[in-house]
N, C-alpha and C. Protein backbone atom coordinates (compact mmCIF):
# COMPACT_ATOMS: atom_id res chain seq x y z
N UNK A 1 -1.53 -14.74 11.82
CA UNK A 1 -1.90 -13.49 11.17
C UNK A 1 -3.22 -12.99 11.77
N UNK A 2 -3.22 -11.79 12.28
CA UNK A 2 -4.40 -11.22 12.94
C UNK A 2 -5.32 -10.58 11.90
N UNK A 3 -6.62 -10.92 12.01
CA UNK A 3 -7.64 -10.35 11.13
C UNK A 3 -8.72 -9.68 11.97
N UNK A 4 -9.59 -8.94 11.30
CA UNK A 4 -10.74 -8.34 11.98
C UNK A 4 -11.55 -9.43 12.67
N UNK A 5 -12.14 -9.09 13.80
CA UNK A 5 -12.83 -10.06 14.64
C UNK A 5 -14.02 -10.73 13.97
N UNK A 6 -14.61 -10.11 12.95
CA UNK A 6 -15.79 -10.69 12.30
C UNK A 6 -15.47 -11.84 11.35
N UNK A 7 -14.21 -12.04 11.04
CA UNK A 7 -13.82 -13.08 10.09
C UNK A 7 -13.84 -14.45 10.76
N UNK A 8 -14.48 -15.41 10.10
CA UNK A 8 -14.52 -16.78 10.61
C UNK A 8 -13.35 -17.56 10.00
N UNK A 9 -13.32 -18.84 10.25
CA UNK A 9 -12.26 -19.70 9.70
C UNK A 9 -12.60 -20.21 8.30
N UNK A 10 -13.74 -19.82 7.79
CA UNK A 10 -14.16 -20.25 6.45
C UNK A 10 -13.23 -19.66 5.39
N UNK A 11 -12.64 -20.48 4.53
CA UNK A 11 -11.71 -19.97 3.51
C UNK A 11 -12.30 -18.87 2.62
N UNK A 12 -13.57 -19.01 2.24
CA UNK A 12 -14.19 -17.99 1.40
C UNK A 12 -14.29 -16.65 2.13
N UNK A 13 -14.60 -16.70 3.42
CA UNK A 13 -14.69 -15.49 4.23
C UNK A 13 -13.31 -14.85 4.41
N UNK A 14 -12.31 -15.69 4.65
CA UNK A 14 -10.94 -15.20 4.81
C UNK A 14 -10.48 -14.52 3.53
N UNK A 15 -10.74 -15.16 2.40
CA UNK A 15 -10.35 -14.58 1.11
C UNK A 15 -11.06 -13.24 0.89
N UNK A 16 -12.37 -13.19 1.18
CA UNK A 16 -13.12 -11.95 1.02
C UNK A 16 -12.50 -10.85 1.88
N UNK A 17 -12.24 -11.15 3.13
CA UNK A 17 -11.65 -10.17 4.04
C UNK A 17 -10.28 -9.71 3.56
N UNK A 18 -9.43 -10.67 3.23
CA UNK A 18 -8.03 -10.37 2.90
C UNK A 18 -7.86 -9.67 1.55
N UNK A 19 -8.72 -9.98 0.59
CA UNK A 19 -8.50 -9.51 -0.77
C UNK A 19 -9.50 -8.49 -1.29
N UNK A 20 -10.67 -8.40 -0.66
CA UNK A 20 -11.71 -7.52 -1.21
C UNK A 20 -12.18 -6.42 -0.26
N UNK A 21 -12.54 -6.80 0.96
CA UNK A 21 -13.19 -5.86 1.86
C UNK A 21 -12.26 -4.70 2.18
N UNK A 22 -12.72 -3.50 1.92
CA UNK A 22 -11.93 -2.31 2.21
C UNK A 22 -10.98 -1.92 1.10
N UNK A 23 -10.93 -2.70 0.02
CA UNK A 23 -10.05 -2.38 -1.11
C UNK A 23 -10.83 -1.50 -2.09
N UNK A 24 -10.33 -0.31 -2.40
CA UNK A 24 -11.06 0.59 -3.29
C UNK A 24 -11.36 -0.03 -4.66
N UNK A 25 -12.62 0.11 -5.05
CA UNK A 25 -13.09 -0.37 -6.36
C UNK A 25 -13.66 0.82 -7.12
N UNK A 26 -13.29 0.90 -8.39
CA UNK A 26 -13.72 2.03 -9.22
C UNK A 26 -14.44 1.58 -10.48
N UNK A 27 -14.48 0.28 -10.73
CA UNK A 27 -15.13 -0.25 -11.92
C UNK A 27 -16.65 -0.19 -11.75
N UNK A 28 -17.33 0.44 -12.70
CA UNK A 28 -18.78 0.62 -12.59
C UNK A 28 -19.53 -0.69 -12.38
N UNK A 29 -19.19 -1.70 -13.15
CA UNK A 29 -19.90 -2.97 -13.05
C UNK A 29 -19.69 -3.60 -11.68
N UNK A 30 -18.47 -3.57 -11.16
CA UNK A 30 -18.20 -4.12 -9.83
C UNK A 30 -18.95 -3.33 -8.76
N UNK A 31 -19.00 -2.02 -8.91
CA UNK A 31 -19.71 -1.18 -7.95
C UNK A 31 -21.21 -1.46 -7.97
N UNK A 32 -21.75 -1.70 -9.17
CA UNK A 32 -23.17 -2.03 -9.29
C UNK A 32 -23.45 -3.39 -8.66
N UNK A 33 -22.61 -4.37 -8.96
CA UNK A 33 -22.79 -5.70 -8.37
C UNK A 33 -22.81 -5.61 -6.85
N UNK A 34 -21.84 -4.92 -6.28
CA UNK A 34 -21.76 -4.82 -4.81
C UNK A 34 -23.01 -4.16 -4.24
N UNK A 35 -23.51 -3.12 -4.91
CA UNK A 35 -24.71 -2.45 -4.41
C UNK A 35 -25.90 -3.41 -4.40
N UNK A 36 -26.03 -4.19 -5.47
CA UNK A 36 -27.13 -5.16 -5.53
C UNK A 36 -26.98 -6.24 -4.46
N UNK A 37 -25.76 -6.72 -4.27
CA UNK A 37 -25.55 -7.77 -3.26
C UNK A 37 -25.75 -7.24 -1.85
N UNK A 38 -25.35 -6.01 -1.60
CA UNK A 38 -25.60 -5.42 -0.28
C UNK A 38 -27.11 -5.31 -0.04
N UNK A 39 -27.86 -4.96 -1.06
CA UNK A 39 -29.32 -4.91 -0.93
C UNK A 39 -29.91 -6.28 -0.66
N UNK A 40 -29.36 -7.29 -1.31
CA UNK A 40 -29.84 -8.67 -1.10
C UNK A 40 -29.57 -9.12 0.33
N UNK A 41 -28.54 -8.55 0.94
CA UNK A 41 -28.16 -8.93 2.30
C UNK A 41 -29.15 -8.42 3.34
N UNK A 42 -29.91 -7.39 3.04
CA UNK A 42 -30.80 -6.77 4.02
C UNK A 42 -31.57 -7.82 4.82
N UNK A 43 -31.38 -7.79 6.13
CA UNK A 43 -32.04 -8.73 7.03
C UNK A 43 -31.36 -10.09 7.12
N UNK A 44 -30.29 -10.26 6.39
CA UNK A 44 -29.56 -11.54 6.39
C UNK A 44 -28.11 -11.27 6.76
N UNK A 45 -27.31 -12.31 6.78
CA UNK A 45 -25.88 -12.14 7.03
C UNK A 45 -25.14 -12.01 5.70
N UNK A 46 -24.00 -11.33 5.74
CA UNK A 46 -23.18 -11.24 4.54
C UNK A 46 -22.69 -12.63 4.14
N UNK A 47 -22.45 -13.50 5.10
CA UNK A 47 -22.00 -14.85 4.81
C UNK A 47 -23.00 -15.57 3.89
N UNK A 48 -24.29 -15.38 4.13
CA UNK A 48 -25.32 -15.99 3.29
C UNK A 48 -25.18 -15.55 1.85
N UNK A 49 -24.99 -14.25 1.65
CA UNK A 49 -24.89 -13.70 0.29
C UNK A 49 -23.56 -14.08 -0.34
N UNK A 50 -22.49 -14.02 0.43
CA UNK A 50 -21.18 -14.36 -0.11
C UNK A 50 -21.16 -15.80 -0.66
N UNK A 51 -21.81 -16.70 0.05
CA UNK A 51 -21.87 -18.09 -0.41
C UNK A 51 -22.67 -18.23 -1.70
N UNK A 52 -23.59 -17.31 -1.93
CA UNK A 52 -24.45 -17.35 -3.11
C UNK A 52 -23.98 -16.41 -4.23
N UNK A 53 -22.87 -15.72 -4.01
CA UNK A 53 -22.44 -14.68 -4.94
C UNK A 53 -22.28 -15.19 -6.37
N UNK A 54 -21.66 -16.34 -6.54
CA UNK A 54 -21.49 -16.87 -7.91
C UNK A 54 -22.84 -17.19 -8.54
N UNK A 55 -23.76 -17.69 -7.75
CA UNK A 55 -25.11 -17.95 -8.26
C UNK A 55 -25.78 -16.65 -8.67
N UNK A 56 -25.61 -15.61 -7.87
CA UNK A 56 -26.15 -14.29 -8.22
C UNK A 56 -25.57 -13.80 -9.54
N UNK A 57 -24.28 -13.95 -9.70
CA UNK A 57 -23.63 -13.47 -10.93
C UNK A 57 -24.23 -14.17 -12.16
N UNK A 58 -24.40 -15.48 -12.06
CA UNK A 58 -24.98 -16.22 -13.20
C UNK A 58 -26.44 -15.85 -13.40
N UNK A 59 -27.20 -15.78 -12.33
CA UNK A 59 -28.63 -15.50 -12.42
C UNK A 59 -28.90 -14.10 -12.99
N UNK A 60 -28.06 -13.14 -12.64
CA UNK A 60 -28.27 -11.75 -13.07
C UNK A 60 -27.27 -11.31 -14.15
N UNK A 61 -26.93 -12.24 -15.04
CA UNK A 61 -26.07 -11.91 -16.19
C UNK A 61 -24.84 -11.12 -15.79
N UNK A 62 -24.20 -11.56 -14.72
CA UNK A 62 -22.97 -10.94 -14.22
C UNK A 62 -23.16 -9.43 -13.99
N UNK A 63 -24.37 -9.09 -13.60
CA UNK A 63 -24.75 -7.72 -13.25
C UNK A 63 -24.52 -6.74 -14.40
N UNK A 64 -24.83 -7.21 -15.59
CA UNK A 64 -24.82 -6.35 -16.77
C UNK A 64 -26.14 -5.57 -16.77
N UNK A 65 -26.08 -4.32 -16.37
CA UNK A 65 -27.30 -3.51 -16.20
C UNK A 65 -28.11 -3.40 -17.49
N UNK A 66 -27.44 -3.34 -18.63
CA UNK A 66 -28.17 -3.22 -19.90
C UNK A 66 -29.00 -4.47 -20.19
N UNK A 67 -28.54 -5.61 -19.75
CA UNK A 67 -29.33 -6.84 -19.91
C UNK A 67 -30.43 -6.90 -18.87
N UNK A 68 -30.10 -6.51 -17.65
CA UNK A 68 -31.07 -6.61 -16.55
C UNK A 68 -32.30 -5.75 -16.81
N UNK A 69 -32.13 -4.56 -17.36
CA UNK A 69 -33.30 -3.69 -17.60
C UNK A 69 -34.25 -4.28 -18.64
N UNK A 70 -33.78 -5.28 -19.39
CA UNK A 70 -34.60 -5.93 -20.42
C UNK A 70 -35.33 -7.18 -19.90
N UNK A 71 -35.17 -7.50 -18.63
CA UNK A 71 -35.76 -8.73 -18.11
C UNK A 71 -37.27 -8.74 -18.30
N UNK A 72 -37.75 -9.89 -18.77
CA UNK A 72 -39.19 -10.09 -18.96
C UNK A 72 -39.82 -10.58 -17.66
N UNK A 73 -41.13 -10.60 -17.65
CA UNK A 73 -41.84 -11.14 -16.49
C UNK A 73 -41.48 -12.61 -16.27
N UNK A 74 -41.25 -13.33 -17.38
CA UNK A 74 -40.88 -14.74 -17.29
C UNK A 74 -39.51 -14.89 -16.63
N UNK A 75 -38.57 -14.04 -16.99
CA UNK A 75 -37.24 -14.09 -16.39
C UNK A 75 -37.33 -13.80 -14.89
N UNK A 76 -38.11 -12.80 -14.52
CA UNK A 76 -38.27 -12.46 -13.11
C UNK A 76 -38.93 -13.61 -12.34
N UNK A 77 -39.89 -14.26 -12.97
CA UNK A 77 -40.54 -15.42 -12.34
C UNK A 77 -39.53 -16.55 -12.14
N UNK A 78 -38.66 -16.75 -13.12
CA UNK A 78 -37.65 -17.81 -12.97
C UNK A 78 -36.65 -17.48 -11.87
N UNK A 79 -36.34 -16.21 -11.71
CA UNK A 79 -35.44 -15.81 -10.62
C UNK A 79 -36.07 -16.08 -9.26
N UNK A 80 -37.38 -15.89 -9.16
CA UNK A 80 -38.07 -16.14 -7.89
C UNK A 80 -38.08 -17.63 -7.54
N UNK A 81 -37.78 -18.48 -8.52
CA UNK A 81 -37.72 -19.93 -8.29
C UNK A 81 -36.29 -20.43 -8.16
N UNK A 82 -35.32 -19.55 -8.33
CA UNK A 82 -33.89 -19.93 -8.34
C UNK A 82 -33.41 -20.13 -6.90
N UNK A 83 -33.12 -21.37 -6.52
CA UNK A 83 -32.70 -21.68 -5.17
C UNK A 83 -31.27 -21.21 -4.87
N UNK A 84 -30.56 -20.78 -5.90
CA UNK A 84 -29.19 -20.31 -5.72
C UNK A 84 -29.07 -18.88 -5.24
N UNK A 85 -30.22 -18.17 -5.21
CA UNK A 85 -30.24 -16.78 -4.74
C UNK A 85 -31.33 -16.64 -3.67
N UNK A 86 -31.38 -15.48 -3.05
CA UNK A 86 -32.46 -15.19 -2.10
C UNK A 86 -33.69 -14.88 -2.95
N UNK A 87 -34.73 -15.67 -2.76
CA UNK A 87 -35.91 -15.59 -3.64
C UNK A 87 -36.97 -14.63 -3.11
N UNK A 88 -36.54 -13.47 -2.74
CA UNK A 88 -37.45 -12.43 -2.26
C UNK A 88 -37.86 -11.57 -3.45
N UNK A 89 -39.14 -11.51 -3.70
CA UNK A 89 -39.67 -10.79 -4.87
C UNK A 89 -39.21 -9.33 -4.91
N UNK A 90 -39.27 -8.65 -3.78
CA UNK A 90 -38.89 -7.24 -3.74
C UNK A 90 -37.39 -7.05 -3.99
N UNK A 91 -36.57 -7.94 -3.44
CA UNK A 91 -35.13 -7.84 -3.64
C UNK A 91 -34.76 -8.13 -5.10
N UNK A 92 -35.42 -9.09 -5.70
CA UNK A 92 -35.18 -9.41 -7.11
C UNK A 92 -35.59 -8.22 -7.97
N UNK A 93 -36.76 -7.69 -7.73
CA UNK A 93 -37.24 -6.53 -8.51
C UNK A 93 -36.32 -5.33 -8.31
N UNK A 94 -35.75 -5.20 -7.12
CA UNK A 94 -34.88 -4.04 -6.86
C UNK A 94 -33.64 -4.05 -7.75
N UNK A 95 -33.17 -5.23 -8.15
CA UNK A 95 -32.00 -5.30 -9.04
C UNK A 95 -32.35 -4.66 -10.38
N UNK A 96 -33.56 -4.92 -10.87
CA UNK A 96 -34.01 -4.32 -12.14
C UNK A 96 -34.18 -2.81 -11.96
N UNK A 97 -34.82 -2.41 -10.89
CA UNK A 97 -35.01 -0.99 -10.60
C UNK A 97 -33.66 -0.29 -10.48
N UNK A 98 -32.74 -0.92 -9.77
CA UNK A 98 -31.42 -0.33 -9.58
C UNK A 98 -30.62 -0.28 -10.88
N UNK A 99 -30.82 -1.26 -11.75
CA UNK A 99 -30.13 -1.24 -13.05
C UNK A 99 -30.58 -0.03 -13.86
N UNK A 100 -31.86 0.27 -13.82
CA UNK A 100 -32.38 1.45 -14.54
C UNK A 100 -31.77 2.73 -13.96
N UNK A 101 -31.76 2.83 -12.64
CA UNK A 101 -31.20 4.02 -11.98
C UNK A 101 -29.70 4.12 -12.25
N UNK A 102 -29.01 2.99 -12.23
CA UNK A 102 -27.57 2.93 -12.50
C UNK A 102 -27.25 3.46 -13.89
N UNK A 103 -28.00 3.01 -14.89
CA UNK A 103 -27.76 3.46 -16.27
C UNK A 103 -28.03 4.95 -16.41
N UNK A 104 -29.04 5.42 -15.72
CA UNK A 104 -29.35 6.86 -15.74
C UNK A 104 -28.21 7.67 -15.12
N UNK A 105 -27.66 7.17 -14.02
CA UNK A 105 -26.53 7.84 -13.36
C UNK A 105 -25.31 7.85 -14.29
N UNK A 106 -25.04 6.73 -14.94
CA UNK A 106 -23.91 6.67 -15.88
C UNK A 106 -24.07 7.73 -16.98
N UNK A 107 -25.28 7.85 -17.47
CA UNK A 107 -25.54 8.82 -18.54
C UNK A 107 -25.36 10.25 -18.03
N UNK A 108 -25.84 10.50 -16.84
CA UNK A 108 -25.81 11.85 -16.29
C UNK A 108 -24.42 12.26 -15.79
N UNK A 109 -23.68 11.33 -15.17
CA UNK A 109 -22.41 11.67 -14.53
C UNK A 109 -21.18 11.17 -15.30
N UNK A 110 -21.40 10.40 -16.35
CA UNK A 110 -20.27 9.85 -17.10
C UNK A 110 -19.87 8.48 -16.60
N UNK A 111 -19.98 8.27 -15.30
CA UNK A 111 -19.72 6.94 -14.72
C UNK A 111 -20.39 6.87 -13.35
N UNK A 112 -20.74 5.66 -12.97
CA UNK A 112 -21.30 5.45 -11.64
C UNK A 112 -20.22 5.67 -10.60
N UNK A 113 -19.00 5.30 -10.94
CA UNK A 113 -17.86 5.46 -10.03
C UNK A 113 -17.70 6.93 -9.61
N UNK A 114 -17.72 7.84 -10.56
CA UNK A 114 -17.60 9.27 -10.22
C UNK A 114 -18.72 9.71 -9.28
N UNK A 115 -19.91 9.25 -9.57
CA UNK A 115 -21.08 9.59 -8.77
C UNK A 115 -20.93 9.07 -7.34
N UNK A 116 -20.64 7.77 -7.20
CA UNK A 116 -20.65 7.16 -5.87
C UNK A 116 -19.47 7.60 -5.03
N UNK A 117 -18.30 7.76 -5.67
CA UNK A 117 -17.11 8.19 -4.93
C UNK A 117 -17.18 9.66 -4.53
N UNK A 118 -18.08 10.42 -5.12
CA UNK A 118 -18.21 11.84 -4.74
C UNK A 118 -18.66 11.99 -3.29
N UNK A 119 -19.29 10.95 -2.74
CA UNK A 119 -19.75 11.03 -1.35
C UNK A 119 -18.59 11.08 -0.36
N UNK A 120 -17.41 10.65 -0.79
CA UNK A 120 -16.21 10.73 0.06
C UNK A 120 -15.12 11.56 -0.63
N UNK A 121 -15.55 12.49 -1.45
CA UNK A 121 -14.62 13.37 -2.17
C UNK A 121 -13.56 12.60 -2.95
N UNK A 122 -13.96 11.47 -3.49
CA UNK A 122 -13.12 10.64 -4.37
C UNK A 122 -11.85 10.13 -3.69
N UNK A 123 -11.87 10.05 -2.36
CA UNK A 123 -10.71 9.57 -1.61
C UNK A 123 -11.15 8.54 -0.57
N UNK A 124 -10.50 7.37 -0.53
CA UNK A 124 -10.83 6.41 0.53
C UNK A 124 -10.55 7.02 1.91
N UNK A 125 -11.39 6.69 2.85
CA UNK A 125 -11.22 7.16 4.22
C UNK A 125 -10.73 5.98 5.07
N UNK A 126 -9.57 6.14 5.65
CA UNK A 126 -8.99 5.09 6.49
C UNK A 126 -9.30 5.43 7.94
N UNK A 127 -10.10 4.58 8.56
CA UNK A 127 -10.43 4.78 9.97
C UNK A 127 -9.42 4.04 10.85
N UNK A 128 -9.44 4.37 12.11
CA UNK A 128 -8.46 3.81 13.06
C UNK A 128 -9.18 3.24 14.28
N UNK A 129 -10.01 2.24 14.03
CA UNK A 129 -10.77 1.60 15.09
C UNK A 129 -9.92 0.56 15.80
N UNK A 130 -10.01 0.54 17.12
CA UNK A 130 -9.28 -0.48 17.89
C UNK A 130 -10.05 -1.79 17.91
N UNK A 131 -11.37 -1.72 18.00
CA UNK A 131 -12.20 -2.92 18.05
C UNK A 131 -13.38 -2.77 17.10
N UNK A 132 -13.99 -3.88 16.75
CA UNK A 132 -15.17 -3.85 15.88
C UNK A 132 -16.34 -3.14 16.56
N UNK A 133 -16.35 -3.12 17.89
CA UNK A 133 -17.42 -2.42 18.61
C UNK A 133 -17.44 -0.93 18.32
N UNK A 134 -16.30 -0.39 17.94
CA UNK A 134 -16.21 1.04 17.64
C UNK A 134 -16.72 1.38 16.24
N UNK A 135 -16.77 0.40 15.36
CA UNK A 135 -17.15 0.64 13.97
C UNK A 135 -18.66 0.93 13.89
N UNK A 136 -19.02 2.05 13.31
CA UNK A 136 -20.45 2.39 13.22
C UNK A 136 -21.16 1.54 12.16
N UNK A 137 -22.47 1.53 12.22
CA UNK A 137 -23.25 0.87 11.18
C UNK A 137 -23.82 1.91 10.21
N UNK A 138 -23.81 3.16 10.64
CA UNK A 138 -24.23 4.28 9.79
C UNK A 138 -23.41 5.50 10.20
N UNK A 139 -23.42 6.50 9.36
CA UNK A 139 -22.86 7.79 9.73
C UNK A 139 -23.52 8.86 8.85
N UNK A 140 -23.08 10.09 8.98
CA UNK A 140 -23.72 11.17 8.21
C UNK A 140 -23.53 10.98 6.71
N UNK A 141 -22.43 10.38 6.29
CA UNK A 141 -22.20 10.16 4.85
C UNK A 141 -23.13 9.07 4.34
N UNK A 142 -23.27 7.98 5.08
CA UNK A 142 -24.19 6.92 4.63
C UNK A 142 -25.64 7.42 4.64
N UNK A 143 -25.97 8.29 5.58
CA UNK A 143 -27.31 8.90 5.59
C UNK A 143 -27.53 9.72 4.32
N UNK A 144 -26.54 10.52 3.97
CA UNK A 144 -26.63 11.37 2.78
C UNK A 144 -26.67 10.52 1.51
N UNK A 145 -25.81 9.51 1.46
CA UNK A 145 -25.80 8.63 0.29
C UNK A 145 -27.14 7.93 0.13
N UNK A 146 -27.68 7.39 1.20
CA UNK A 146 -28.96 6.71 1.17
C UNK A 146 -30.06 7.62 0.64
N UNK A 147 -30.11 8.80 1.17
CA UNK A 147 -31.14 9.77 0.76
C UNK A 147 -31.01 10.08 -0.73
N UNK A 148 -29.78 10.29 -1.20
CA UNK A 148 -29.57 10.62 -2.61
C UNK A 148 -29.86 9.43 -3.53
N UNK A 149 -29.40 8.25 -3.14
CA UNK A 149 -29.68 7.06 -3.95
C UNK A 149 -31.19 6.83 -4.08
N UNK A 150 -31.91 6.99 -2.99
CA UNK A 150 -33.36 6.83 -3.04
C UNK A 150 -33.98 7.88 -3.97
N UNK A 151 -33.51 9.10 -3.85
CA UNK A 151 -33.99 10.18 -4.71
C UNK A 151 -33.73 9.87 -6.18
N UNK A 152 -32.61 9.21 -6.45
CA UNK A 152 -32.23 8.87 -7.82
C UNK A 152 -32.84 7.54 -8.30
N UNK A 153 -33.72 6.95 -7.49
CA UNK A 153 -34.50 5.81 -7.95
C UNK A 153 -34.03 4.43 -7.49
N UNK A 154 -33.04 4.37 -6.62
CA UNK A 154 -32.53 3.08 -6.14
C UNK A 154 -33.38 2.55 -4.99
N UNK A 155 -33.40 1.22 -4.85
CA UNK A 155 -34.13 0.54 -3.78
C UNK A 155 -33.16 -0.29 -2.95
N UNK A 156 -33.56 -0.60 -1.72
CA UNK A 156 -32.74 -1.36 -0.77
C UNK A 156 -31.40 -0.66 -0.56
N UNK A 157 -31.48 0.62 -0.28
CA UNK A 157 -30.28 1.44 -0.07
C UNK A 157 -30.43 2.29 1.19
N UNK A 158 -30.86 1.67 2.27
CA UNK A 158 -30.94 2.38 3.54
C UNK A 158 -29.54 2.75 4.03
N UNK A 159 -29.47 3.54 5.04
CA UNK A 159 -28.19 4.04 5.53
C UNK A 159 -27.26 2.91 5.99
N UNK A 160 -27.78 1.89 6.64
CA UNK A 160 -26.94 0.76 7.08
C UNK A 160 -26.38 0.02 5.88
N UNK A 161 -27.20 -0.21 4.86
CA UNK A 161 -26.74 -0.86 3.64
C UNK A 161 -25.67 0.00 2.97
N UNK A 162 -25.89 1.31 2.94
CA UNK A 162 -24.91 2.21 2.31
C UNK A 162 -23.58 2.18 3.06
N UNK A 163 -23.62 2.16 4.39
CA UNK A 163 -22.35 2.13 5.12
C UNK A 163 -21.61 0.82 4.85
N UNK A 164 -22.34 -0.28 4.87
CA UNK A 164 -21.74 -1.59 4.58
C UNK A 164 -21.18 -1.61 3.16
N UNK A 165 -21.89 -1.01 2.23
CA UNK A 165 -21.43 -0.90 0.84
C UNK A 165 -20.13 -0.11 0.76
N UNK A 166 -20.08 1.02 1.47
CA UNK A 166 -18.86 1.84 1.43
C UNK A 166 -17.67 1.09 2.01
N UNK A 167 -17.90 0.26 3.01
CA UNK A 167 -16.83 -0.59 3.54
C UNK A 167 -16.40 -1.62 2.49
N UNK A 168 -17.38 -2.25 1.86
CA UNK A 168 -17.10 -3.32 0.91
C UNK A 168 -16.31 -2.85 -0.30
N UNK A 169 -16.60 -1.62 -0.77
CA UNK A 169 -15.93 -1.12 -1.99
C UNK A 169 -14.74 -0.22 -1.67
N UNK A 170 -14.36 -0.16 -0.40
CA UNK A 170 -13.15 0.56 -0.03
C UNK A 170 -13.28 2.06 0.11
N UNK A 171 -14.49 2.56 0.13
CA UNK A 171 -14.66 3.99 0.40
C UNK A 171 -14.28 4.27 1.85
N UNK A 172 -14.59 3.31 2.70
CA UNK A 172 -14.14 3.31 4.10
C UNK A 172 -13.27 2.08 4.30
N UNK A 173 -12.11 2.27 4.87
CA UNK A 173 -11.29 1.14 5.29
C UNK A 173 -11.50 1.01 6.79
N UNK A 174 -12.32 0.06 7.17
CA UNK A 174 -12.66 -0.14 8.58
C UNK A 174 -11.99 -1.38 9.17
N UNK A 175 -10.89 -1.83 8.57
CA UNK A 175 -10.11 -2.87 9.22
C UNK A 175 -9.63 -2.31 10.56
N UNK A 176 -9.71 -3.11 11.60
CA UNK A 176 -9.26 -2.65 12.91
C UNK A 176 -7.73 -2.51 12.92
N UNK A 177 -7.25 -1.72 13.84
CA UNK A 177 -5.81 -1.43 13.89
C UNK A 177 -4.94 -2.66 14.06
N UNK A 178 -5.47 -3.71 14.69
CA UNK A 178 -4.68 -4.92 14.89
C UNK A 178 -4.74 -5.88 13.70
N UNK A 179 -5.53 -5.57 12.71
CA UNK A 179 -5.68 -6.42 11.52
C UNK A 179 -4.52 -6.17 10.55
N UNK A 180 -4.01 -7.24 9.98
CA UNK A 180 -2.89 -7.08 9.05
C UNK A 180 -3.28 -6.31 7.80
N UNK A 181 -4.57 -6.18 7.51
CA UNK A 181 -5.03 -5.44 6.33
C UNK A 181 -5.13 -3.93 6.55
N UNK A 182 -5.03 -3.50 7.80
CA UNK A 182 -5.07 -2.06 8.03
C UNK A 182 -3.81 -1.44 7.43
N UNK A 183 -3.95 -0.33 6.72
CA UNK A 183 -2.79 0.29 6.06
C UNK A 183 -1.58 0.56 6.97
N UNK A 184 -1.82 0.79 8.23
CA UNK A 184 -0.71 1.06 9.16
C UNK A 184 0.15 -0.19 9.39
N UNK A 185 -0.36 -1.36 9.01
CA UNK A 185 0.37 -2.61 9.21
C UNK A 185 1.00 -3.13 7.92
N UNK A 186 1.00 -2.31 6.90
CA UNK A 186 1.53 -2.79 5.61
C UNK A 186 2.80 -2.09 5.22
């Protein structure tokens, strides 16, 4: 079975590729979790974060934004000591900052899903890349999303993070044409 070139032989990576990456997600909580995890990835590999994902879920109350915005200084200090996550003070604080912005977006737009999917007119975009070398790391949509997310109070949402996020939540399907997950092969 042919997969995208970035997939290793690690079962967790294979499962992520086969079952999650590029699959449209519309659940607010899942979208928030992915945004936080993409931010945690900044400067690191996705493999590092994927291996720690369950630890992140437990450490951050399964990305329940209403709980996260209530975190005390003691809770934040304990997170900075948690070896199961990336212990970067700014990245940890960004989850709290992003939870506040996320709740504000939900209140203003009715759902985070409506807000975030508006960047692609509420329709997944299926690309037709032959090789991973053709897949961009940013584009005009990720630039626009990054600018708007920053304006709306989010942190760790640069254009590269936004493009990776859009791939992860299925806004962009960037499986290569030879991958069994590309829609043309199903």
